[in-house]
Amino acid sequence: MDTQFSADLERTREQVVVAQERASATERRALREIDQERTLRQKGEQALGGAGALSWRRCRRGHRTRP
């Protein structure tokens, strides 16, 4: 009985580790995509002469607001 419990516990721990690794990879991928989008937006704003950069600002909570 204890042997079965120990085996189940070990298998569950391994599944948790795999799930955590998968979640970390997903988070890294999402952050990379956000960074790419930000970079593209900045390049686009620079190409327009910075007009887009001046039309919006961020409040303390991070929401976009008009200046």
N, C-alpha and C. Protein backbone atom coordinates (compact mmCIF):
# COMPACT_ATOMS: atom_id res chain seq x y z
N MET A 1 0.83 -1.19 0.00
CA MET A 1 0.00 0.00 0.00
C MET A 1 0.88 1.25 0.00
N ASP A 2 1.87 1.32 0.88
CA ASP A 2 2.77 2.47 0.92
C ASP A 2 3.57 2.58 -0.37
N THR A 3 3.92 1.46 -0.96
CA THR A 3 4.68 1.47 -2.21
C THR A 3 3.86 2.09 -3.33
N GLN A 4 2.60 1.74 -3.40
CA GLN A 4 1.72 2.31 -4.43
C GLN A 4 1.54 3.82 -4.21
N PHE A 5 1.35 4.22 -2.98
CA PHE A 5 1.21 5.64 -2.66
C PHE A 5 2.47 6.41 -3.04
N SER A 6 3.62 5.85 -2.72
CA SER A 6 4.89 6.50 -3.04
C SER A 6 5.07 6.63 -4.55
N ALA A 7 4.70 5.59 -5.27
CA ALA A 7 4.81 5.63 -6.73
C ALA A 7 3.87 6.68 -7.31
N ASP A 8 2.65 6.75 -6.79
CA ASP A 8 1.69 7.74 -7.26
C ASP A 8 2.16 9.15 -6.93
N LEU A 9 2.73 9.33 -5.76
CA LEU A 9 3.24 10.63 -5.35
C LEU A 9 4.38 11.07 -6.26
N GLU A 10 5.28 10.17 -6.55
CA GLU A 10 6.41 10.49 -7.42
C GLU A 10 5.93 10.83 -8.83
N ARG A 11 4.98 10.08 -9.35
CA ARG A 11 4.43 10.33 -10.68
C ARG A 11 3.75 11.71 -10.71
N THR A 12 3.03 12.04 -9.66
CA THR A 12 2.36 13.35 -9.58
C THR A 12 3.38 14.48 -9.52
N ARG A 13 4.45 14.28 -8.77
CA ARG A 13 5.51 15.30 -8.70
C ARG A 13 6.13 15.53 -10.07
N GLU A 14 6.37 14.45 -10.81
CA GLU A 14 6.93 14.57 -12.15
C GLU A 14 5.98 15.32 -13.07
N GLN A 15 4.69 15.05 -12.94
CA GLN A 15 3.70 15.75 -13.77
C GLN A 15 3.66 17.24 -13.44
N VAL A 16 3.82 17.56 -12.17
CA VAL A 16 3.84 18.97 -11.76
C VAL A 16 5.06 19.67 -12.36
N VAL A 17 6.21 19.02 -12.33
CA VAL A 17 7.42 19.61 -12.88
C VAL A 17 7.25 19.84 -14.38
N VAL A 18 6.69 18.88 -15.08
CA VAL A 18 6.48 19.03 -16.53
C VAL A 18 5.51 20.18 -16.80
N ALA A 19 4.44 20.26 -16.02
CA ALA A 19 3.47 21.34 -16.19
C ALA A 19 4.09 22.70 -15.92
N GLN A 20 4.94 22.80 -14.91
CA GLN A 20 5.61 24.07 -14.61
C GLN A 20 6.56 24.47 -15.73
N GLU A 21 7.28 23.50 -16.28
CA GLU A 21 8.19 23.79 -17.40
C GLU A 21 7.40 24.27 -18.61
N ARG A 22 6.28 23.63 -18.87
CA ARG A 22 5.44 24.02 -20.00
C ARG A 22 4.89 25.43 -19.79
N ALA A 23 4.46 25.74 -18.58
CA ALA A 23 3.94 27.08 -18.28
C ALA A 23 5.03 28.13 -18.43
N SER A 24 6.23 27.81 -17.98
CA SER A 24 7.35 28.76 -18.12
C SER A 24 7.67 29.02 -19.58
N ALA A 25 7.66 27.98 -20.38
CA ALA A 25 7.93 28.14 -21.82
C ALA A 25 6.85 28.98 -22.48
N THR A 26 5.61 28.77 -22.09
CA THR A 26 4.50 29.55 -22.64
C THR A 26 4.64 31.01 -22.25
N GLU A 27 5.00 31.27 -21.00
CA GLU A 27 5.18 32.64 -20.54
C GLU A 27 6.32 33.33 -21.29
N ARG A 28 7.43 32.63 -21.47
CA ARG A 28 8.57 33.21 -22.21
C ARG A 28 8.16 33.54 -23.64
N ARG A 29 7.41 32.63 -24.27
CA ARG A 29 6.98 32.86 -25.64
C ARG A 29 6.05 34.08 -25.72
N ALA A 30 5.13 34.21 -24.76
CA ALA A 30 4.21 35.35 -24.75
C ALA A 30 4.98 36.66 -24.54
N LEU A 31 5.94 36.66 -23.64
CA LEU A 31 6.73 37.86 -23.39
C LEU A 31 7.56 38.24 -24.62
N ARG A 32 8.07 37.23 -25.31
CA ARG A 32 8.83 37.49 -26.54
C ARG A 32 7.93 38.11 -27.60
N GLU A 33 6.70 37.60 -27.74
CA GLU A 33 5.76 38.16 -28.70
C GLU A 33 5.40 39.60 -28.35
N ILE A 34 5.19 39.88 -27.07
CA ILE A 34 4.89 41.25 -26.64
C ILE A 34 6.04 42.17 -26.98
N ASP A 35 7.26 41.72 -26.75
CA ASP A 35 8.44 42.53 -27.05
C ASP A 35 8.55 42.79 -28.55
N GLN A 36 8.26 41.77 -29.35
CA GLN A 36 8.30 41.95 -30.81
C GLN A 36 7.25 42.96 -31.27
N GLU A 37 6.04 42.87 -30.71
CA GLU A 37 4.99 43.82 -31.06
C GLU A 37 5.37 45.24 -30.67
N ARG A 38 5.96 45.39 -29.50
CA ARG A 38 6.38 46.71 -29.02
C ARG A 38 7.45 47.28 -29.95
N THR A 39 8.40 46.45 -30.32
CA THR A 39 9.47 46.89 -31.20
C THR A 39 8.91 47.33 -32.56
N LEU A 40 7.99 46.52 -33.11
CA LEU A 40 7.39 46.88 -34.39
C LEU A 40 6.61 48.19 -34.30
N ARG A 41 5.87 48.38 -33.20
CA ARG A 41 5.10 49.60 -33.03
C ARG A 41 6.04 50.81 -32.94
N GLN A 42 7.14 50.66 -32.19
CA GLN A 42 8.09 51.77 -32.07
C GLN A 42 8.72 52.11 -33.42
N LYS A 43 9.04 51.08 -34.20
CA LYS A 43 9.61 51.34 -35.52
C LYS A 43 8.60 52.03 -36.42
N GLY A 44 7.34 51.62 -36.32
CA GLY A 44 6.29 52.26 -37.11
C GLY A 44 6.10 53.71 -36.72
N GLU A 45 6.13 53.99 -35.43
CA GLU A 45 5.99 55.37 -34.96
C GLU A 45 7.16 56.22 -35.40
N GLN A 46 8.35 55.64 -35.39
CA GLN A 46 9.52 56.39 -35.84
C GLN A 46 9.43 56.68 -37.34
N ALA A 47 8.88 55.71 -38.08
CA ALA A 47 8.74 55.91 -39.53
C ALA A 47 7.73 57.01 -39.83
N LEU A 48 6.75 57.20 -38.94
CA LEU A 48 5.75 58.25 -39.12
C LEU A 48 6.20 59.58 -38.53
N GLY A 49 7.40 59.63 -38.06
CA GLY A 49 7.91 60.87 -37.48
C GLY A 49 7.54 61.04 -36.02
N GLY A 50 7.15 59.96 -35.38
CA GLY A 50 6.84 60.01 -33.96
C GLY A 50 5.45 60.51 -33.64
N ALA A 51 4.59 60.66 -34.64
CA ALA A 51 3.25 61.19 -34.39
C ALA A 51 2.47 60.27 -33.46
N GLY A 52 2.61 58.98 -33.61
CA GLY A 52 1.88 58.05 -32.76
C GLY A 52 2.34 58.09 -31.32
N ALA A 53 3.59 58.37 -31.12
CA ALA A 53 4.14 58.39 -29.76
C ALA A 53 3.59 59.57 -28.96
N LEU A 54 3.23 60.65 -29.65
CA LEU A 54 2.76 61.84 -28.94
C LEU A 54 1.25 61.83 -28.70
N SER A 55 0.52 60.98 -29.41
CA SER A 55 -0.93 61.03 -29.30
C SER A 55 -1.48 60.25 -28.11
N TRP A 56 -0.68 59.44 -27.46
CA TRP A 56 -1.13 58.68 -26.30
C TRP A 56 -0.09 58.75 -25.19
N ARG A 57 -0.56 58.65 -23.97
CA ARG A 57 0.34 58.52 -22.83
C ARG A 57 -0.27 57.50 -21.89
N ARG A 58 0.44 57.13 -20.86
CA ARG A 58 -0.05 56.12 -19.93
C ARG A 58 -0.25 56.75 -18.55
N CYS A 59 -1.36 56.39 -17.90
CA CYS A 59 -1.60 56.86 -16.53
C CYS A 59 -0.81 55.97 -15.57
N ARG A 60 -0.93 56.25 -14.28
CA ARG A 60 -0.18 55.47 -13.29
C ARG A 60 -0.54 53.99 -13.32
N ARG A 61 -1.77 53.66 -13.70
CA ARG A 61 -2.19 52.26 -13.76
C ARG A 61 -1.80 51.57 -15.06
N GLY A 62 -1.22 52.31 -15.97
CA GLY A 62 -0.78 51.73 -17.23
C GLY A 62 -1.79 51.80 -18.35
N HIS A 63 -2.92 52.47 -18.12
CA HIS A 63 -3.93 52.59 -19.16
C HIS A 63 -3.56 53.72 -20.12
N ARG A 64 -3.94 53.52 -21.38
CA ARG A 64 -3.65 54.54 -22.38
C ARG A 64 -4.65 55.67 -22.26
N THR A 65 -4.16 56.90 -22.26
CA THR A 65 -5.01 58.08 -22.18
C THR A 65 -4.50 59.13 -23.16
N ARG A 66 -5.38 60.01 -23.53
CA ARG A 66 -4.96 61.13 -24.39
C ARG A 66 -4.21 62.16 -23.55
N PRO A 67 -3.24 62.83 -24.14
CA PRO A 67 -2.51 63.86 -23.38
C PRO A 67 -3.36 65.09 -23.12
